[in-house]
Structures are given as structure tokens and as C-alpha cells.
Amino acid sequence: MFRNVRFYRIKAPWPKTEDELSEQLSKLAFKPCGPYSEMSSGWEAPATELPDTLCRRLNGADLLRLRTQTRVLPAAAINEALGDRLKDYETRMQEKPSAKQKRRLKAELREELLPKALVKSERVNGFYIHALGLLGIEAGSETKAERFLDCLRIAFGELEAVPLIFDKPVSDWLNAMFLGSVPENFRLGRECRMQEPTMGGAVVNWKDIDLSDASIRKHVIDGMRVERLALEFDDIMSFVLDQNGAVSKLKFVGDEASADIESSDESQVAKQDAQFVLLTGTLTRFVDGLKKSLGSYT
């Protein structure tokens, strides 16, 4: 369900019930792109079998889904059509178009082609864990996460959301773990990225390798900093954690219950609900585990 997670601390009241949250999100419900719109974003039902509910509250956590639809108008297609338009201009006017005229012709052409362009949709899931006051967004980049937050602010009217920051830097913790100081419930994976601290310093990526090897650890002992580190938590979840606290490559391992969920005869909603409860329950324990090592968060 989630491969990437960026955490944000919500410093504002959150709707008390599922119905209240759904009503708030309906203020920016998804609408398809109009013929002259390049992009449209809005909230849609996270469970397709329940199209009238714009959120799903389970076991103290809310599931949200943002849909963004864009019109696909490749620059190469515009430039090819613009070439024909410029030739036509030269034939009619017996002169080459100025830079200003080229820009005008390109803008006119884009406006003509936009309604004919195909559309594509991207969906970004998010969750809010009430006990922690944390919002998690399935985003591999800050840009995608910010779009999610902007749409949430529009729906709520206002919303104060800040990146999750602990008392101690995550980067120091990653270095300490890489060198062997691994706390309870965590275990080193087989992937990391490290970089020299100087501007433009060398970068080294290690994949599918024993990170406890002395020759690899020597790079950090000699001064390199760990930027990303593969970890396992509770023998159930594997992921890569970066120095900013963002999670990527998240998956559940060694868990028969997860396989049973996928192969069961239950409805799609029931399967999704079970996966969501597993995800948010594990991530709640994960964040609590981080707090033990890094202190409180703000």
C-alpha cells in the first residue's frame, strides 16, 4: 500500500469523526481536468467500493487519497506543430517572425492542442495517526508531499504541518547504527549510501552487501557520513531511512498474515483495511522506537 513515507507533525485540531473528515475533504473533492486545464487535484475515496466516503478511519488512523489529473502534451509534439506554423507565417507575411511573435504563436498552438491532449492520473495516499499527531504521505519527493499538504490546507481552510524533527539528528543515529550501535527491535539491512562531508565530496552506494564488514565500516570511521541506510524493524518491516527521516522501499517481510490477506476471499475493502491496520500499527511502534533513540519530536 505504501512504498515511501514522509512524516509531518500536525499542530492543529484534526476532525473528530470519519464523517467530519470526509465532509472537510469534500470541499476539494476531485474533479476531472477541464478542456483548458493542465492539472486538477482533489480528494477521492480511498476505497473504490465506498465511493461516497473520502476517508477511511481504522484503529485510530485515517486513510486519505489525493488524485491529480494532468493533460499530457509533449513538448516535442508542440515544437513539431510550431515548425509548421512558423513556415506558414513566413509564407503569408514574407518575413521571419520575431521572438515575440514566436512566443505568441506557441501560446496559441498550445491552447488549441490542450483540449485534444490525453489525460493521466496519479494517486497519492496519506494517513493520519491520532495517537501520535502524525501525518504520513506516500511521497518520494518533497514536491509531491507539498502538493498533498497544499490540498489538505485548502480543504481544511488552514493547517499547520511541519516535517517530523527529533531532538537528536537522524544522521548521527544512522552513523552510530552503521558502526554497530543498533537499538532493540532494529537490524541492519544490506544497503546504504554514504558521502564525504565536504562540498561535492565523493558518494558511495552499497547494495546487497554485508554492511558489518570492517572494510566497509572503515569509510565511516575515516569520516564519511551515512545518508541512507537499509533497516529492518520488529522482524516484520524492511525499509531505507534517510538522514531527513524519510522512509523508502518499505515492505513487510517474514509475515504470513500479509500473504494471507492477499490470498483471502474477502472483499477488496476488507483486504485494504487489514493492510492499513498492519501498516499504521507497525509505523506507530516504529516512530516510538525512534523516539527512544532520538528523543521527543517537535
C-alpha atoms as a PDB file:
ATOM      1  CA  MET A   1       0.000   0.000   0.000  1.00  0.00           C
ATOM      2  CA  PHE A   2       2.814   2.430   0.874  1.00  0.00           C
ATOM      3  CA  ARG A   3       6.341   2.238  -0.537  1.00  0.00           C
ATOM      4  CA  ASN A   4       7.503   5.697   0.604  1.00  0.00           C
ATOM      5  CA  VAL A   5       6.553   7.716   3.683  1.00  0.00           C
ATOM      6  CA  ARG A   6       7.340  11.292   4.671  1.00  0.00           C
ATOM      7  CA  PHE A   7       6.228  12.231   8.181  1.00  0.00           C
ATOM      8  CA  TYR A   8       4.726  15.568   9.229  1.00  0.00           C
ATOM      9  CA  ARG A   9       3.691  16.798  12.659  1.00  0.00           C
ATOM     10  CA  ILE A  10       0.170  18.239  12.623  1.00  0.00           C
ATOM     11  CA  LYS A  11      -0.111  21.168  15.035  1.00  0.00           C
ATOM     12  CA  ALA A  12      -3.814  21.824  14.639  1.00  0.00           C
ATOM     13  CA  PRO A  13      -7.117  20.171  15.595  1.00  0.00           C
ATOM     14  CA  TRP A  14      -7.990  17.178  13.422  1.00  0.00           C
ATOM     15  CA  PRO A  15     -11.649  16.264  12.638  1.00  0.00           C
ATOM     16  CA  LYS A  16     -13.027  14.112  15.445  1.00  0.00           C
ATOM     17  CA  THR A  17     -15.032  11.687  13.334  1.00  0.00           C
ATOM     18  CA  GLU A  18     -14.735   9.981   9.973  1.00  0.00           C
ATOM     19  CA  ASP A  19     -17.843  11.826   8.743  1.00  0.00           C
ATOM     20  CA  GLU A  20     -16.417  15.212   9.771  1.00  0.00           C
ATOM     21  CA  LEU A  21     -13.141  14.492   7.993  1.00  0.00           C
ATOM     22  CA  SER A  22     -14.935  13.307   4.858  1.00  0.00           C
ATOM     23  CA  GLU A  23     -17.033  16.486   4.881  1.00  0.00           C
ATOM     24  CA  GLN A  24     -13.911  18.653   5.130  1.00  0.00           C
ATOM     25  CA  LEU A  25     -12.243  16.832   2.250  1.00  0.00           C
ATOM     26  CA  SER A  26     -15.378  17.208   0.117  1.00  0.00           C
ATOM     27  CA  LYS A  27     -14.594  20.926  -0.110  1.00  0.00           C
ATOM     28  CA  LEU A  28     -11.855  19.922  -2.544  1.00  0.00           C
ATOM     29  CA  ALA A  29     -13.260  16.713  -3.975  1.00  0.00           C
ATOM     30  CA  PHE A  30     -11.568  15.576  -7.157  1.00  0.00           C
ATOM     31  CA  LYS A  31     -12.915  16.939 -10.445  1.00  0.00           C
ATOM     32  CA  PRO A  32     -11.555  15.894 -13.860  1.00  0.00           C
ATOM     33  CA  CYS A  33      -9.430  18.333 -15.842  1.00  0.00           C
ATOM     34  CA  GLY A  34     -11.442  20.797 -17.875  1.00  0.00           C
ATOM     35  CA  PRO A  35     -10.632  21.121 -21.581  1.00  0.00           C
ATOM     36  CA  TYR A  36      -8.289  24.063 -20.980  1.00  0.00           C
ATOM     37  CA  SER A  37      -6.852  22.963 -17.622  1.00  0.00           C
ATOM     38  CA  GLU A  38      -3.399  21.414 -17.438  1.00  0.00           C
ATOM     39  CA  MET A  39      -3.882  19.947 -13.961  1.00  0.00           C
ATOM     40  CA  SER A  40      -6.615  19.176 -11.447  1.00  0.00           C
ATOM     41  CA  SER A  41      -6.122  17.860  -7.898  1.00  0.00           C
ATOM     42  CA  GLY A  42      -8.672  16.766  -5.333  1.00  0.00           C
ATOM     43  CA  TRP A  43      -9.648  14.123  -2.798  1.00  0.00           C
ATOM     44  CA  GLU A  44     -11.238  10.852  -3.816  1.00  0.00           C
ATOM     45  CA  ALA A  45     -12.493   7.798  -1.950  1.00  0.00           C
ATOM     46  CA  PRO A  46      -9.561   5.625  -0.788  1.00  0.00           C
ATOM     47  CA  ALA A  47     -11.825   2.555  -1.086  1.00  0.00           C
ATOM     48  CA  THR A  48     -13.361   2.283  -4.559  1.00  0.00           C
ATOM     49  CA  GLU A  49     -16.168   0.112  -3.183  1.00  0.00           C
ATOM     50  CA  LEU A  50     -17.203   3.028  -0.935  1.00  0.00           C
ATOM     51  CA  PRO A  51     -17.220   5.965  -3.387  1.00  0.00           C
ATOM     52  CA  ASP A  52     -19.142   8.353  -1.118  1.00  0.00           C
ATOM     53  CA  THR A  53     -16.585   8.298   1.717  1.00  0.00           C
ATOM     54  CA  LEU A  54     -13.476  10.428   1.184  1.00  0.00           C
ATOM     55  CA  CYS A  55     -11.556   8.867   4.072  1.00  0.00           C
ATOM     56  CA  ARG A  56     -11.319   5.610   5.986  1.00  0.00           C
ATOM     57  CA  ARG A  57     -10.831   5.545   9.778  1.00  0.00           C
ATOM     58  CA  LEU A  58      -9.467   2.312  11.240  1.00  0.00           C
ATOM     59  CA  ASN A  59      -7.813   1.503  14.548  1.00  0.00           C
ATOM     60  CA  GLY A  60      -7.047   5.140  15.369  1.00  0.00           C
ATOM     61  CA  ALA A  61      -5.758   6.115  11.926  1.00  0.00           C
ATOM     62  CA  ASP A  62      -7.248   7.808   8.849  1.00  0.00           C
ATOM     63  CA  LEU A  63      -6.545   6.870   5.235  1.00  0.00           C
ATOM     64  CA  LEU A  64      -6.746   9.645   2.614  1.00  0.00           C
ATOM     65  CA  ARG A  65      -6.165   9.665  -1.132  1.00  0.00           C
ATOM     66  CA  LEU A  66      -5.305  12.627  -3.348  1.00  0.00           C
ATOM     67  CA  ARG A  67      -5.835  12.279  -7.087  1.00  0.00           C
ATOM     68  CA  THR A  68      -4.055  14.562  -9.541  1.00  0.00           C
ATOM     69  CA  GLN A  69      -5.004  14.506 -13.204  1.00  0.00           C
ATOM     70  CA  THR A  70      -2.822  16.177 -15.835  1.00  0.00           C
ATOM     71  CA  ARG A  71      -3.101  16.673 -19.577  1.00  0.00           C
ATOM     72  CA  VAL A  72      -0.220  15.088 -21.470  1.00  0.00           C
ATOM     73  CA  LEU A  73       1.050  17.475 -24.100  1.00  0.00           C
ATOM     74  CA  PRO A  74       4.645  16.552 -25.015  1.00  0.00           C
ATOM     75  CA  ALA A  75       7.000  19.424 -25.816  1.00  0.00           C
ATOM     76  CA  ALA A  76       8.192  17.526 -28.906  1.00  0.00           C
ATOM     77  CA  ALA A  77       4.637  17.493 -30.321  1.00  0.00           C
ATOM     78  CA  ILE A  78       4.239  21.225 -29.713  1.00  0.00           C
ATOM     79  CA  ASN A  79       7.594  22.013 -31.315  1.00  0.00           C
ATOM     80  CA  GLU A  80       6.812  19.926 -34.394  1.00  0.00           C
ATOM     81  CA  ALA A  81       3.459  21.639 -34.886  1.00  0.00           C
ATOM     82  CA  LEU A  82       5.090  25.019 -34.194  1.00  0.00           C
ATOM     83  CA  GLY A  83       7.555  24.423 -37.025  1.00  0.00           C
ATOM     84  CA  ASP A  84       4.677  24.112 -39.493  1.00  0.00           C
ATOM     85  CA  ARG A  85       3.009  27.185 -38.003  1.00  0.00           C
ATOM     86  CA  LEU A  86       6.200  29.254 -38.396  1.00  0.00           C
ATOM     87  CA  LYS A  87       6.618  28.181 -42.033  1.00  0.00           C
ATOM     88  CA  ASP A  88       3.036  29.208 -42.721  1.00  0.00           C
ATOM     89  CA  TYR A  89       3.697  32.582 -41.081  1.00  0.00           C
ATOM     90  CA  GLU A  90       6.778  33.203 -43.252  1.00  0.00           C
ATOM     91  CA  THR A  91       4.821  32.296 -46.410  1.00  0.00           C
ATOM     92  CA  ARG A  92       1.965  34.654 -45.574  1.00  0.00           C
ATOM     93  CA  MET A  93       3.960  37.577 -44.177  1.00  0.00           C
ATOM     94  CA  GLN A  94       7.104  37.210 -46.321  1.00  0.00           C
ATOM     95  CA  GLU A  95       9.250  37.706 -43.247  1.00  0.00           C
ATOM     96  CA  LYS A  96      10.580  35.699 -40.335  1.00  0.00           C
ATOM     97  CA  PRO A  97       8.605  36.026 -37.092  1.00  0.00           C
ATOM     98  CA  SER A  98      10.168  37.949 -34.223  1.00  0.00           C
ATOM     99  CA  ALA A  99      10.866  36.310 -30.883  1.00  0.00           C
ATOM    100  CA  LYS A 100       7.692  37.902 -29.505  1.00  0.00           C
ATOM    101  CA  GLN A 101       5.623  36.560 -32.396  1.00  0.00           C
ATOM    102  CA  LYS A 102       7.104  33.057 -31.928  1.00  0.00           C
ATOM    103  CA  ARG A 103       6.026  33.101 -28.280  1.00  0.00           C
ATOM    104  CA  ARG A 104       2.533  34.228 -29.278  1.00  0.00           C
ATOM    105  CA  LEU A 105       2.207  31.537 -31.936  1.00  0.00           C
ATOM    106  CA  LYS A 106       3.421  28.883 -29.490  1.00  0.00           C
ATOM    107  CA  ALA A 107       0.922  30.002 -26.838  1.00  0.00           C
ATOM    108  CA  GLU A 108      -1.921  29.933 -29.399  1.00  0.00           C
ATOM    109  CA  LEU A 109      -0.881  26.481 -30.571  1.00  0.00           C
ATOM    110  CA  ARG A 110      -0.732  25.150 -27.030  1.00  0.00           C
ATOM    111  CA  GLU A 111      -4.220  26.484 -26.336  1.00  0.00           C
ATOM    112  CA  GLU A 112      -5.508  24.753 -29.472  1.00  0.00           C
ATOM    113  CA  LEU A 113      -3.891  21.398 -28.679  1.00  0.00           C
ATOM    114  CA  LEU A 114      -4.626  21.273 -24.947  1.00  0.00           C
ATOM    115  CA  PRO A 115      -8.295  20.163 -25.218  1.00  0.00           C
ATOM    116  CA  LYS A 116      -7.212  17.308 -27.506  1.00  0.00           C
ATOM    117  CA  ALA A 117      -4.473  16.059 -25.182  1.00  0.00           C
ATOM    118  CA  LEU A 118      -4.822  12.765 -23.331  1.00  0.00           C
ATOM    119  CA  VAL A 119      -5.090  12.812 -19.542  1.00  0.00           C
ATOM    120  CA  LYS A 120      -3.339  10.712 -16.901  1.00  0.00           C
ATOM    121  CA  SER A 121      -3.946  10.381 -13.166  1.00  0.00           C
ATOM    122  CA  GLU A 122      -1.595   9.986 -10.229  1.00  0.00           C
ATOM    123  CA  ARG A 123      -2.833   8.982  -6.778  1.00  0.00           C
ATOM    124  CA  VAL A 124      -1.002   9.732  -3.532  1.00  0.00           C
ATOM    125  CA  ASN A 125      -2.106   8.081  -0.307  1.00  0.00           C
ATOM    126  CA  GLY A 126      -1.694   9.535   3.145  1.00  0.00           C
ATOM    127  CA  PHE A 127      -2.537   8.561   6.698  1.00  0.00           C
ATOM    128  CA  TYR A 128      -3.019  10.360   9.996  1.00  0.00           C
ATOM    129  CA  ILE A 129      -2.231   8.537  13.247  1.00  0.00           C
ATOM    130  CA  HIS A 130      -4.263  10.158  16.022  1.00  0.00           C
ATOM    131  CA  ALA A 131      -2.200   8.889  18.968  1.00  0.00           C
ATOM    132  CA  LEU A 132       0.972  10.431  17.511  1.00  0.00           C
ATOM    133  CA  GLY A 133      -0.484  13.501  15.824  1.00  0.00           C
ATOM    134  CA  LEU A 134       1.443  12.480  12.723  1.00  0.00           C
ATOM    135  CA  LEU A 135       0.593  12.637   9.046  1.00  0.00           C
ATOM    136  CA  GLY A 136       2.377  10.242   6.706  1.00  0.00           C
ATOM    137  CA  ILE A 137       2.439  10.912   2.959  1.00  0.00           C
ATOM    138  CA  GLU A 138       3.326   8.333   0.323  1.00  0.00           C
ATOM    139  CA  ALA A 139       5.757  10.602  -1.493  1.00  0.00           C
ATOM    140  CA  GLY A 140       9.246  10.005  -2.790  1.00  0.00           C
ATOM    141  CA  SER A 141       9.856  13.755  -3.181  1.00  0.00           C
ATOM    142  CA  GLU A 142       9.145  16.892  -1.159  1.00  0.00           C
ATOM    143  CA  THR A 143       7.344  18.420  -4.164  1.00  0.00           C
ATOM    144  CA  LYS A 144       4.747  15.654  -4.221  1.00  0.00           C
ATOM    145  CA  ALA A 145       4.321  15.836  -0.445  1.00  0.00           C
ATOM    146  CA  GLU A 146       3.854  19.613  -0.558  1.00  0.00           C
ATOM    147  CA  ARG A 147       1.090  19.252  -3.151  1.00  0.00           C
ATOM    148  CA  PHE A 148      -0.667  16.837  -0.796  1.00  0.00           C
ATOM    149  CA  LEU A 149      -0.308  19.308   2.093  1.00  0.00           C
ATOM    150  CA  ASP A 150      -1.457  22.265  -0.013  1.00  0.00           C
ATOM    151  CA  CYS A 151      -4.632  20.421  -0.987  1.00  0.00           C
ATOM    152  CA  LEU A 152      -5.203  19.452   2.644  1.00  0.00           C
ATOM    153  CA  ARG A 153      -4.840  23.102   3.681  1.00  0.00           C
ATOM    154  CA  ILE A 154      -7.396  24.152   1.057  1.00  0.00           C
ATOM    155  CA  ALA A 155      -9.873  21.539   2.297  1.00  0.00           C
ATOM    156  CA  PHE A 156      -9.332  22.429   5.971  1.00  0.00           C
ATOM    157  CA  GLY A 157      -9.135  26.187   5.475  1.00  0.00           C
ATOM    158  CA  GLU A 158      -5.814  26.195   7.327  1.00  0.00           C
ATOM    159  CA  LEU A 159      -3.458  23.539   8.611  1.00  0.00           C
ATOM    160  CA  GLU A 160      -0.098  23.793  10.357  1.00  0.00           C
ATOM    161  CA  ALA A 161       2.079  20.882   9.269  1.00  0.00           C
ATOM    162  CA  VAL A 162       5.837  20.681   9.811  1.00  0.00           C
ATOM    163  CA  PRO A 163       8.353  17.944   8.946  1.00  0.00           C
ATOM    164  CA  LEU A 164       8.959  15.489  11.779  1.00  0.00           C
ATOM    165  CA  ILE A 165      12.143  16.509  13.626  1.00  0.00           C
ATOM    166  CA  PHE A 166      13.526  14.777  16.703  1.00  0.00           C
ATOM    167  CA  ASP A 167      15.724  16.234  19.462  1.00  0.00           C
ATOM    168  CA  LYS A 168      18.756  14.441  18.028  1.00  0.00           C
ATOM    169  CA  PRO A 169      19.704  14.385  14.302  1.00  0.00           C
ATOM    170  CA  VAL A 170      18.695  11.278  12.385  1.00  0.00           C
ATOM    171  CA  SER A 171      22.027  11.471  10.528  1.00  0.00           C
ATOM    172  CA  ASP A 172      24.025  10.935  13.744  1.00  0.00           C
ATOM    173  CA  TRP A 173      21.834   7.967  14.641  1.00  0.00           C
ATOM    174  CA  LEU A 174      22.350   6.395  11.209  1.00  0.00           C
ATOM    175  CA  ASN A 175      26.117   6.694  11.607  1.00  0.00           C
ATOM    176  CA  ALA A 176      26.013   5.163  15.078  1.00  0.00           C
ATOM    177  CA  MET A 177      23.887   2.251  13.863  1.00  0.00           C
ATOM    178  CA  PHE A 178      26.127   1.670  10.874  1.00  0.00           C
ATOM    179  CA  LEU A 179      29.063   1.352  13.260  1.00  0.00           C
ATOM    180  CA  GLY A 180      27.269  -1.248  15.356  1.00  0.00           C
ATOM    181  CA  SER A 181      25.152   0.630  17.917  1.00  0.00           C
ATOM    182  CA  VAL A 182      21.845  -0.917  16.821  1.00  0.00           C
ATOM    183  CA  PRO A 183      18.934  -0.436  19.276  1.00  0.00           C
ATOM    184  CA  GLU A 184      16.391  -3.061  20.232  1.00  0.00           C
ATOM    185  CA  ASN A 185      13.866  -4.039  17.527  1.00  0.00           C
ATOM    186  CA  PHE A 186      16.108  -2.699  14.731  1.00  0.00           C
ATOM    187  CA  ARG A 187      18.514  -4.591  12.490  1.00  0.00           C
ATOM    188  CA  LEU A 188      20.867  -3.514   9.714  1.00  0.00           C
ATOM    189  CA  GLY A 189      19.827  -4.273   6.160  1.00  0.00           C
ATOM    190  CA  ARG A 190      22.093  -4.676   3.135  1.00  0.00           C
ATOM    191  CA  GLU A 191      22.067  -1.234   1.531  1.00  0.00           C
ATOM    192  CA  CYS A 192      23.425   2.227   2.312  1.00  0.00           C
ATOM    193  CA  ARG A 193      24.626   5.450   0.762  1.00  0.00           C
ATOM    194  CA  MET A 194      27.462   7.494   2.251  1.00  0.00           C
ATOM    195  CA  GLN A 195      29.164  10.732   1.285  1.00  0.00           C
ATOM    196  CA  GLU A 196      32.218  12.727   2.258  1.00  0.00           C
ATOM    197  CA  PRO A 197      31.148  15.763   4.336  1.00  0.00           C
ATOM    198  CA  THR A 198      32.961  18.269   2.120  1.00  0.00           C
ATOM    199  CA  MET A 199      31.061  20.128  -0.592  1.00  0.00           C
ATOM    200  CA  GLY A 200      30.869  17.903  -3.657  1.00  0.00           C
ATOM    201  CA  GLY A 201      32.524  15.056  -1.778  1.00  0.00           C
ATOM    202  CA  ALA A 202      32.622  11.533  -3.097  1.00  0.00           C
ATOM    203  CA  VAL A 203      29.485   9.405  -2.849  1.00  0.00           C
ATOM    204  CA  VAL A 204      29.490   5.635  -2.339  1.00  0.00           C
ATOM    205  CA  ASN A 205      26.465   3.363  -2.726  1.00  0.00           C
ATOM    206  CA  TRP A 206      26.433  -0.162  -1.308  1.00  0.00           C
ATOM    207  CA  LYS A 207      23.704  -2.616  -2.287  1.00  0.00           C
ATOM    208  CA  ASP A 208      23.032  -6.202  -1.274  1.00  0.00           C
ATOM    209  CA  ILE A 209      26.158  -6.434   0.856  1.00  0.00           C
ATOM    210  CA  ASP A 210      27.040  -7.208   4.470  1.00  0.00           C
ATOM    211  CA  LEU A 211      27.313  -3.730   5.999  1.00  0.00           C
ATOM    212  CA  SER A 212      29.019  -5.057   9.127  1.00  0.00           C
ATOM    213  CA  ASP A 213      32.138  -5.823   7.110  1.00  0.00           C
ATOM    214  CA  ALA A 214      35.098  -3.971   8.623  1.00  0.00           C
ATOM    215  CA  SER A 215      36.363  -2.721   5.243  1.00  0.00           C
ATOM    216  CA  ILE A 216      33.006  -1.020   4.602  1.00  0.00           C
ATOM    217  CA  ARG A 217      32.662   0.445   8.093  1.00  0.00           C
ATOM    218  CA  LYS A 218      36.150   1.925   7.760  1.00  0.00           C
ATOM    219  CA  HIS A 219      34.782   4.515   5.308  1.00  0.00           C
ATOM    220  CA  VAL A 220      32.586   5.992   8.062  1.00  0.00           C
ATOM    221  CA  ILE A 221      35.318   5.674  10.686  1.00  0.00           C
ATOM    222  CA  ASP A 222      37.540   7.689   8.329  1.00  0.00           C
ATOM    223  CA  GLY A 223      34.961  10.487   8.073  1.00  0.00           C
ATOM    224  CA  MET A 224      32.257   9.661   5.542  1.00  0.00           C
ATOM    225  CA  ARG A 225      28.642  10.245   6.614  1.00  0.00           C
ATOM    226  CA  VAL A 226      25.771   7.809   6.132  1.00  0.00           C
ATOM    227  CA  GLU A 227      22.963   9.477   4.152  1.00  0.00           C
ATOM    228  CA  ARG A 228      20.646   6.472   3.745  1.00  0.00           C
ATOM    229  CA  LEU A 229      20.579   3.134   5.492  1.00  0.00           C
ATOM    230  CA  ALA A 230      18.546  -0.045   4.969  1.00  0.00           C
ATOM    231  CA  LEU A 231      16.993  -1.339   8.179  1.00  0.00           C
ATOM    232  CA  GLU A 232      14.547  -3.903   9.470  1.00  0.00           C
ATOM    233  CA  PHE A 233      12.154  -3.282  12.344  1.00  0.00           C
ATOM    234  CA  ASP A 234      10.453  -5.856  14.578  1.00  0.00           C
ATOM    235  CA  ASP A 235      11.447  -8.591  12.087  1.00  0.00           C
ATOM    236  CA  ILE A 236       8.393  -7.583  10.068  1.00  0.00           C
ATOM    237  CA  MET A 237       9.179  -4.372   8.172  1.00  0.00           C
ATOM    238  CA  SER A 238      12.157  -3.531   5.964  1.00  0.00           C
ATOM    239  CA  PHE A 239      12.865  -0.048   4.620  1.00  0.00           C
ATOM    240  CA  VAL A 240      15.510   2.533   3.817  1.00  0.00           C
ATOM    241  CA  LEU A 241      15.745   5.552   6.140  1.00  0.00           C
ATOM    242  CA  ASP A 242      17.471   8.741   5.000  1.00  0.00           C
ATOM    243  CA  GLN A 243      19.122  11.468   7.072  1.00  0.00           C
ATOM    244  CA  ASN A 244      15.939  13.586   6.934  1.00  0.00           C
ATOM    245  CA  GLY A 245      13.761  10.833   8.363  1.00  0.00           C
ATOM    246  CA  ALA A 246      12.078   9.906   5.067  1.00  0.00           C
ATOM    247  CA  VAL A 247      11.253   6.233   4.511  1.00  0.00           C
ATOM    248  CA  SER A 248      11.565   4.488   1.138  1.00  0.00           C
ATOM    249  CA  LYS A 249      11.445   0.917  -0.215  1.00  0.00           C
ATOM    250  CA  LEU A 250       9.072  -0.027   2.586  1.00  0.00           C
ATOM    251  CA  LYS A 251       7.793  -3.588   2.595  1.00  0.00           C
ATOM    252  CA  PHE A 252       6.719  -6.223   5.084  1.00  0.00           C
ATOM    253  CA  VAL A 253       8.868  -9.329   5.370  1.00  0.00           C
ATOM    254  CA  GLY A 254       8.525 -12.652   7.121  1.00  0.00           C
ATOM    255  CA  ASP A 255       4.861 -12.046   7.815  1.00  0.00           C
ATOM    256  CA  GLU A 256       2.432 -14.821   6.877  1.00  0.00           C
ATOM    257  CA  ALA A 257      -0.522 -12.655   7.810  1.00  0.00           C
ATOM    258  CA  SER A 258       0.291 -10.257   4.957  1.00  0.00           C
ATOM    259  CA  ALA A 259       0.271 -13.114   2.443  1.00  0.00           C
ATOM    260  CA  ASP A 260      -2.953 -14.427   3.909  1.00  0.00           C
ATOM    261  CA  ILE A 261      -4.544 -11.007   3.420  1.00  0.00           C
ATOM    262  CA  GLU A 262      -3.685 -11.020  -0.281  1.00  0.00           C
ATOM    263  CA  SER A 263      -4.914 -14.557  -0.919  1.00  0.00           C
ATOM    264  CA  SER A 264      -8.102 -14.408   1.158  1.00  0.00           C
ATOM    265  CA  ASP A 265     -11.587 -14.419  -0.341  1.00  0.00           C
ATOM    266  CA  GLU A 266     -12.585 -11.245   1.481  1.00  0.00           C
ATOM    267  CA  SER A 267     -13.675  -8.109  -0.348  1.00  0.00           C
ATOM    268  CA  GLN A 268     -11.105  -5.624  -1.623  1.00  0.00           C
ATOM    269  CA  VAL A 269     -12.151  -3.183   1.103  1.00  0.00           C
ATOM    270  CA  ALA A 270     -11.552  -5.785   3.818  1.00  0.00           C
ATOM    271  CA  LYS A 271      -8.107  -6.620   2.389  1.00  0.00           C
ATOM    272  CA  GLN A 272      -7.179  -2.937   2.162  1.00  0.00           C
ATOM    273  CA  ASP A 273      -8.407  -2.330   5.711  1.00  0.00           C
ATOM    274  CA  ALA A 274      -6.310  -5.213   7.049  1.00  0.00           C
ATOM    275  CA  GLN A 275      -3.194  -3.956   5.226  1.00  0.00           C
ATOM    276  CA  PHE A 276      -3.787  -0.429   6.520  1.00  0.00           C
ATOM    277  CA  VAL A 277      -4.122  -1.595  10.131  1.00  0.00           C
ATOM    278  CA  LEU A 278      -0.896  -3.614   9.772  1.00  0.00           C
ATOM    279  CA  LEU A 279       0.899  -0.618   8.243  1.00  0.00           C
ATOM    280  CA  THR A 280      -0.180   2.044  10.742  1.00  0.00           C
ATOM    281  CA  GLY A 281       0.223  -0.259  13.733  1.00  0.00           C
ATOM    282  CA  THR A 282       3.788  -1.107  12.731  1.00  0.00           C
ATOM    283  CA  LEU A 283       4.675   2.507  11.906  1.00  0.00           C
ATOM    284  CA  THR A 284       3.323   3.642  15.275  1.00  0.00           C
ATOM    285  CA  ARG A 285       5.738   1.251  17.009  1.00  0.00           C
ATOM    286  CA  PHE A 286       8.489   2.341  14.600  1.00  0.00           C
ATOM    287  CA  VAL A 287       8.106   6.034  15.491  1.00  0.00           C
ATOM    288  CA  ASP A 288       8.029   5.144  19.195  1.00  0.00           C
ATOM    289  CA  GLY A 289      11.261   3.212  18.616  1.00  0.00           C
ATOM    290  CA  LEU A 290      12.834   6.283  17.014  1.00  0.00           C
ATOM    291  CA  LYS A 291      11.784   8.420  19.995  1.00  0.00           C
ATOM    292  CA  LYS A 292      13.661   6.121  22.372  1.00  0.00           C
ATOM    293  CA  SER A 293      16.873   6.766  20.445  1.00  0.00           C
ATOM    294  CA  LEU A 294      16.348  10.342  19.223  1.00  0.00           C
ATOM    295  CA  GLY A 295      14.257  11.920  21.946  1.00  0.00           C
ATOM    296  CA  SER A 296      10.935  13.732  21.553  1.00  0.00           C
ATOM    297  CA  TYR A 297       9.836  15.318  18.312  1.00  0.00           C
ATOM    298  CA  THR A 298       8.571  18.799  17.686  1.00  0.00           C
END
